[in-house]
């Protein structure tokens, strides 16, 4: 049976992976630091990795898997699960729709 603390650690890790990955992939960051870094990396392998939320979440999830589980097999499964949970959270949090009014000429 899994103890309640393990679930808490898993949820914390999944939220943390989502937050860090979202910051690196989709946000400008403080003082546009993340945006400038993405632009500087351009089309290098590191720059392309910052273009894909799902790909980057796998790398970000590695240290968090160590936080969640112990043992090689458990950490491997936790790694995939934490990344997967972050990817699911990212799909739930899509950008809101923006409605624009039509100009008088378009009517």
C-alpha atoms as a PDB file:
ATOM      1  CA  UNK A   1       0.000   0.000   0.000  1.00  0.00           C
ATOM      2  CA  UNK A   2       1.285   3.475  -0.893  1.00  0.00           C
ATOM      3  CA  UNK A   3       1.439   5.946   1.957  1.00  0.00           C
ATOM      4  CA  UNK A   4      -0.168   9.393   1.725  1.00  0.00           C
ATOM      5  CA  UNK A   5       3.240  11.107   1.800  1.00  0.00           C
ATOM      6  CA  UNK A   6       4.229   9.419  -1.456  1.00  0.00           C
ATOM      7  CA  UNK A   7       1.173  10.832  -3.232  1.00  0.00           C
ATOM      8  CA  UNK A   8       1.915  14.274  -1.847  1.00  0.00           C
ATOM      9  CA  UNK A   9       5.508  14.088  -3.105  1.00  0.00           C
ATOM     10  CA  UNK A  10       4.298  12.914  -6.514  1.00  0.00           C
ATOM     11  CA  UNK A  11       1.815  15.784  -6.853  1.00  0.00           C
ATOM     12  CA  UNK A  12       4.444  18.290  -5.719  1.00  0.00           C
ATOM     13  CA  UNK A  13       6.947  16.907  -8.222  1.00  0.00           C
ATOM     14  CA  UNK A  14       4.434  16.924 -11.086  1.00  0.00           C
ATOM     15  CA  UNK A  15       3.476  20.547 -10.390  1.00  0.00           C
ATOM     16  CA  UNK A  16       7.120  21.566 -10.102  1.00  0.00           C
ATOM     17  CA  UNK A  17       8.017  19.852 -13.390  1.00  0.00           C
ATOM     18  CA  UNK A  18       5.071  21.564 -15.089  1.00  0.00           C
ATOM     19  CA  UNK A  19       6.095  24.951 -13.682  1.00  0.00           C
ATOM     20  CA  UNK A  20       9.779  24.774 -14.643  1.00  0.00           C
ATOM     21  CA  UNK A  21       9.046  23.312 -18.087  1.00  0.00           C
ATOM     22  CA  UNK A  22       6.337  25.889 -18.810  1.00  0.00           C
ATOM     23  CA  UNK A  23       8.694  28.677 -17.750  1.00  0.00           C
ATOM     24  CA  UNK A  24      11.411  27.479 -20.111  1.00  0.00           C
ATOM     25  CA  UNK A  25       9.147  26.699 -23.094  1.00  0.00           C
ATOM     26  CA  UNK A  26       6.382  29.302 -23.028  1.00  0.00           C
ATOM     27  CA  UNK A  27       7.304  32.291 -20.866  1.00  0.00           C
ATOM     28  CA  UNK A  28       9.666  35.225 -21.231  1.00  0.00           C
ATOM     29  CA  UNK A  29      10.912  35.057 -17.656  1.00  0.00           C
ATOM     30  CA  UNK A  30      12.047  37.928 -15.471  1.00  0.00           C
ATOM     31  CA  UNK A  31      13.723  40.697 -17.464  1.00  0.00           C
ATOM     32  CA  UNK A  32      13.076  38.570 -20.604  1.00  0.00           C
ATOM     33  CA  UNK A  33      15.974  36.352 -19.543  1.00  0.00           C
ATOM     34  CA  UNK A  34      14.356  33.096 -20.718  1.00  0.00           C
ATOM     35  CA  UNK A  35      13.272  34.667 -24.006  1.00  0.00           C
ATOM     36  CA  UNK A  36      16.777  35.961 -24.693  1.00  0.00           C
ATOM     37  CA  UNK A  37      18.235  32.567 -23.838  1.00  0.00           C
ATOM     38  CA  UNK A  38      15.851  30.787 -26.243  1.00  0.00           C
ATOM     39  CA  UNK A  39      16.744  33.272 -28.994  1.00  0.00           C
ATOM     40  CA  UNK A  40      20.481  32.875 -28.354  1.00  0.00           C
ATOM     41  CA  UNK A  41      20.216  29.088 -28.536  1.00  0.00           C
ATOM     42  CA  UNK A  42      18.326  29.388 -31.832  1.00  0.00           C
ATOM     43  CA  UNK A  43      18.156  26.173 -33.832  1.00  0.00           C
ATOM     44  CA  UNK A  44      20.840  24.326 -31.880  1.00  0.00           C
ATOM     45  CA  UNK A  45      19.897  21.058 -30.198  1.00  0.00           C
ATOM     46  CA  UNK A  46      19.369  22.977 -26.935  1.00  0.00           C
ATOM     47  CA  UNK A  47      17.213  25.577 -28.649  1.00  0.00           C
ATOM     48  CA  UNK A  48      15.058  22.919 -30.312  1.00  0.00           C
ATOM     49  CA  UNK A  49      14.620  21.189 -26.962  1.00  0.00           C
ATOM     50  CA  UNK A  50      13.144  24.422 -25.566  1.00  0.00           C
ATOM     51  CA  UNK A  51      10.505  24.351 -28.314  1.00  0.00           C
ATOM     52  CA  UNK A  52       8.810  21.130 -27.162  1.00  0.00           C
ATOM     53  CA  UNK A  53       7.061  20.959 -23.793  1.00  0.00           C
ATOM     54  CA  UNK A  54       6.766  17.163 -23.827  1.00  0.00           C
ATOM     55  CA  UNK A  55      10.438  16.616 -24.705  1.00  0.00           C
ATOM     56  CA  UNK A  56      11.761  19.097 -22.171  1.00  0.00           C
ATOM     57  CA  UNK A  57       9.534  17.759 -19.390  1.00  0.00           C
ATOM     58  CA  UNK A  58      11.316  14.402 -19.662  1.00  0.00           C
ATOM     59  CA  UNK A  59      14.647  16.055 -18.868  1.00  0.00           C
ATOM     60  CA  UNK A  60      13.246  18.310 -16.151  1.00  0.00           C
ATOM     61  CA  UNK A  61      11.532  15.328 -14.475  1.00  0.00           C
ATOM     62  CA  UNK A  62      14.761  13.373 -13.871  1.00  0.00           C
ATOM     63  CA  UNK A  63      15.790  15.017 -10.570  1.00  0.00           C
ATOM     64  CA  UNK A  64      12.173  15.126  -9.391  1.00  0.00           C
ATOM     65  CA  UNK A  65      11.888  11.354  -9.862  1.00  0.00           C
ATOM     66  CA  UNK A  66      14.656  11.024  -7.274  1.00  0.00           C
ATOM     67  CA  UNK A  67      12.550  13.180  -4.929  1.00  0.00           C
ATOM     68  CA  UNK A  68       9.515  10.948  -5.422  1.00  0.00           C
ATOM     69  CA  UNK A  69      10.952   7.432  -5.329  1.00  0.00           C
ATOM     70  CA  UNK A  70      13.923   5.341  -4.285  1.00  0.00           C
ATOM     71  CA  UNK A  71      15.386   2.414  -6.149  1.00  0.00           C
ATOM     72  CA  UNK A  72      16.260   2.254  -9.834  1.00  0.00           C
ATOM     73  CA  UNK A  73      13.020   0.747 -11.139  1.00  0.00           C
ATOM     74  CA  UNK A  74      10.816   2.959  -8.955  1.00  0.00           C
ATOM     75  CA  UNK A  75      12.692   6.078 -10.061  1.00  0.00           C
ATOM     76  CA  UNK A  76      12.392   5.099 -13.712  1.00  0.00           C
ATOM     77  CA  UNK A  77       8.634   4.682 -13.390  1.00  0.00           C
ATOM     78  CA  UNK A  78       8.345   7.888 -11.332  1.00  0.00           C
ATOM     79  CA  UNK A  79      10.358   9.742 -13.990  1.00  0.00           C
ATOM     80  CA  UNK A  80       7.888   8.799 -16.720  1.00  0.00           C
ATOM     81  CA  UNK A  81       4.871   9.339 -14.469  1.00  0.00           C
ATOM     82  CA  UNK A  82       5.936  12.808 -13.294  1.00  0.00           C
ATOM     83  CA  UNK A  83       6.691  13.892 -16.859  1.00  0.00           C
ATOM     84  CA  UNK A  84       3.372  12.448 -18.039  1.00  0.00           C
ATOM     85  CA  UNK A  85       1.456  14.252 -15.294  1.00  0.00           C
ATOM     86  CA  UNK A  86       3.139  17.534 -16.245  1.00  0.00           C
ATOM     87  CA  UNK A  87       2.190  16.960 -19.899  1.00  0.00           C
ATOM     88  CA  UNK A  88      -1.421  16.301 -18.897  1.00  0.00           C
ATOM     89  CA  UNK A  89      -1.455  19.448 -16.772  1.00  0.00           C
ATOM     90  CA  UNK A  90      -0.116  21.394 -19.728  1.00  0.00           C
ATOM     91  CA  UNK A  91      -2.973  20.159 -21.930  1.00  0.00           C
ATOM     92  CA  UNK A  92      -5.516  21.252 -19.313  1.00  0.00           C
ATOM     93  CA  UNK A  93      -4.093  24.760 -19.116  1.00  0.00           C
ATOM     94  CA  UNK A  94      -4.357  25.976 -22.690  1.00  0.00           C
ATOM     95  CA  UNK A  95      -4.306  29.673 -23.456  1.00  0.00           C
ATOM     96  CA  UNK A  96      -7.703  31.374 -23.118  1.00  0.00           C
ATOM     97  CA  UNK A  97      -9.640  32.375 -26.205  1.00  0.00           C
ATOM     98  CA  UNK A  98      -9.506  36.057 -27.091  1.00  0.00           C
ATOM     99  CA  UNK A  99     -12.531  37.493 -28.824  1.00  0.00           C
ATOM    100  CA  UNK A 100     -12.100  40.603 -30.945  1.00  0.00           C
ATOM    101  CA  UNK A 101     -14.914  42.893 -31.937  1.00  0.00           C
ATOM    102  CA  UNK A 102     -15.603  43.465 -35.591  1.00  0.00           C
ATOM    103  CA  UNK A 103     -15.066  46.941 -37.010  1.00  0.00           C
ATOM    104  CA  UNK A 104     -18.039  48.783 -38.422  1.00  0.00           C
ATOM    105  CA  UNK A 105     -16.660  48.243 -41.946  1.00  0.00           C
ATOM    106  CA  UNK A 106     -16.731  44.450 -41.566  1.00  0.00           C
ATOM    107  CA  UNK A 107     -20.471  44.335 -40.936  1.00  0.00           C
END
